[in-house]
């Protein structure tokens, strides 16, 4: 096995880490989930990161992409509604706002690795 193969985590492991961090953030009370709470977190300057499910409607994606651009909040599309909801202990969630700087930075690093 080459050195590069050992250092490069696989996609499934990174996705699992993202879901785990989201669950940790929820337990810490640092999450706004669902469209209403995510929008509220963004507009009240509490959100440090917004994640939208990849299978969300185009209208929802555009709404949050524009809102995050206006308020200068990092925006990522990740996972699906079922996966986000399961990680947060709910049924389905299309949007999540992370309201903690440290957790948001950790999630950003993982999401950047997934997007590379």
Protein backbone atom coordinates (compact mmCIF):
# COMPACT_ATOMS: atom_id res chain seq x y z
CA UNK A 1 0.00 0.00 0.00
CA UNK A 2 1.34 3.42 -0.84
CA UNK A 3 1.83 6.18 1.70
CA UNK A 4 -0.83 8.32 0.00
CA UNK A 5 -3.47 5.60 0.33
CA UNK A 6 -2.95 5.44 4.09
CA UNK A 7 -3.20 9.21 4.59
CA UNK A 8 -6.33 9.68 2.45
CA UNK A 9 -9.49 8.83 4.41
CA UNK A 10 -12.23 7.28 2.33
CA UNK A 11 -15.48 9.06 1.56
CA UNK A 12 -17.68 6.83 3.73
CA UNK A 13 -15.51 7.46 6.78
CA UNK A 14 -15.60 11.24 6.23
CA UNK A 15 -19.39 11.19 5.83
CA UNK A 16 -19.70 9.22 9.06
CA UNK A 17 -17.55 11.81 10.85
CA UNK A 18 -19.76 14.64 9.54
CA UNK A 19 -22.90 12.90 10.79
CA UNK A 20 -21.22 12.22 14.16
CA UNK A 21 -20.23 15.87 14.58
CA UNK A 22 -23.76 16.95 13.69
CA UNK A 23 -25.12 14.60 16.36
CA UNK A 24 -22.63 15.98 18.88
CA UNK A 25 -23.65 19.55 18.02
CA UNK A 26 -27.32 18.63 18.50
CA UNK A 27 -26.62 17.11 21.90
CA UNK A 28 -24.74 20.28 22.83
CA UNK A 29 -27.75 22.38 21.78
CA UNK A 30 -25.77 24.16 19.05
CA UNK A 31 -27.98 23.25 16.08
CA UNK A 32 -30.90 24.92 14.37
CA UNK A 33 -32.57 22.27 12.20
CA UNK A 34 -35.43 22.58 9.78
CA UNK A 35 -36.05 25.48 7.44
CA UNK A 36 -37.56 27.82 10.03
CA UNK A 37 -34.87 27.35 12.69
CA UNK A 38 -32.05 27.45 10.13
CA UNK A 39 -33.36 30.69 8.67
CA UNK A 40 -33.77 32.13 12.16
CA UNK A 41 -30.16 31.23 13.08
CA UNK A 42 -28.82 32.79 9.89
CA UNK A 43 -30.77 36.03 10.22
CA UNK A 44 -29.92 36.43 13.90
CA UNK A 45 -26.17 36.01 13.16
CA UNK A 46 -25.93 32.86 15.30
CA UNK A 47 -25.06 30.44 12.48
CA UNK A 48 -21.43 29.73 11.61
CA UNK A 49 -22.22 27.09 8.98
CA UNK A 50 -25.29 25.95 7.02
CA UNK A 51 -25.73 22.48 5.56
CA UNK A 52 -28.51 21.70 3.09
CA UNK A 53 -29.48 18.17 2.08
CA UNK A 54 -28.53 17.40 -1.51
CA UNK A 55 -32.03 16.10 -2.23
CA UNK A 56 -33.71 19.33 -1.07
CA UNK A 57 -35.81 21.26 -3.56
CA UNK A 58 -34.13 23.76 -5.85
CA UNK A 59 -36.17 26.50 -4.18
CA UNK A 60 -34.83 25.59 -0.72
CA UNK A 61 -31.25 25.40 -2.00
CA UNK A 62 -31.51 28.79 -3.70
CA UNK A 63 -33.15 30.38 -0.66
CA UNK A 64 -30.36 29.32 1.69
CA UNK A 65 -27.54 29.85 -0.81
CA UNK A 66 -28.66 33.46 -1.33
CA UNK A 67 -29.25 34.03 2.38
CA UNK A 68 -25.85 32.62 3.33
CA UNK A 69 -24.12 34.70 0.66
CA UNK A 70 -25.81 37.84 2.00
CA UNK A 71 -24.92 37.10 5.65
CA UNK A 72 -21.47 35.72 4.70
CA UNK A 73 -22.02 32.26 6.21
CA UNK A 74 -20.41 29.14 4.70
CA UNK A 75 -22.94 26.98 2.85
CA UNK A 76 -22.58 23.31 1.92
CA UNK A 77 -24.78 20.69 0.30
CA UNK A 78 -24.29 17.34 1.97
CA UNK A 79 -26.07 14.02 2.43
CA UNK A 80 -29.79 13.58 2.10
CA UNK A 81 -32.81 14.54 4.21
CA UNK A 82 -33.02 11.11 5.86
CA UNK A 83 -29.32 11.09 6.75
CA UNK A 84 -29.38 14.58 8.25
CA UNK A 85 -32.56 13.82 10.17
CA UNK A 86 -31.18 10.54 11.51
CA UNK A 87 -27.95 12.23 12.66
CA UNK A 88 -30.03 14.82 14.53
CA UNK A 89 -32.45 12.32 16.06
CA UNK A 90 -35.38 13.45 13.89
CA UNK A 91 -37.20 12.04 10.89
CA UNK A 92 -36.13 14.21 7.94
CA UNK A 93 -34.29 17.51 7.88
CA UNK A 94 -33.53 19.51 4.74
CA UNK A 95 -31.43 22.19 6.45
CA UNK A 96 -29.15 22.55 9.45
CA UNK A 97 -27.44 25.59 10.95
CA UNK A 98 -24.43 25.01 13.22
CA UNK A 99 -24.35 27.69 15.92
CA UNK A 100 -20.93 26.90 17.41
CA UNK A 101 -17.70 28.21 15.88
CA UNK A 102 -15.52 25.24 16.86
CA UNK A 103 -17.95 22.60 15.64
CA UNK A 104 -18.55 24.60 12.46
CA UNK A 105 -14.80 24.75 11.76
CA UNK A 106 -14.47 21.00 12.27
CA UNK A 107 -17.38 20.32 9.96
CA UNK A 108 -15.99 22.75 7.36
CA UNK A 109 -12.69 20.86 7.25
CA UNK A 110 -14.45 17.54 6.74
CA UNK A 111 -16.83 18.92 4.11
CA UNK A 112 -13.93 20.50 2.22
CA UNK A 113 -12.16 17.12 2.16
CA UNK A 114 -15.33 15.51 0.82
CA UNK A 115 -15.66 18.14 -1.92
CA UNK A 116 -12.05 17.68 -3.12
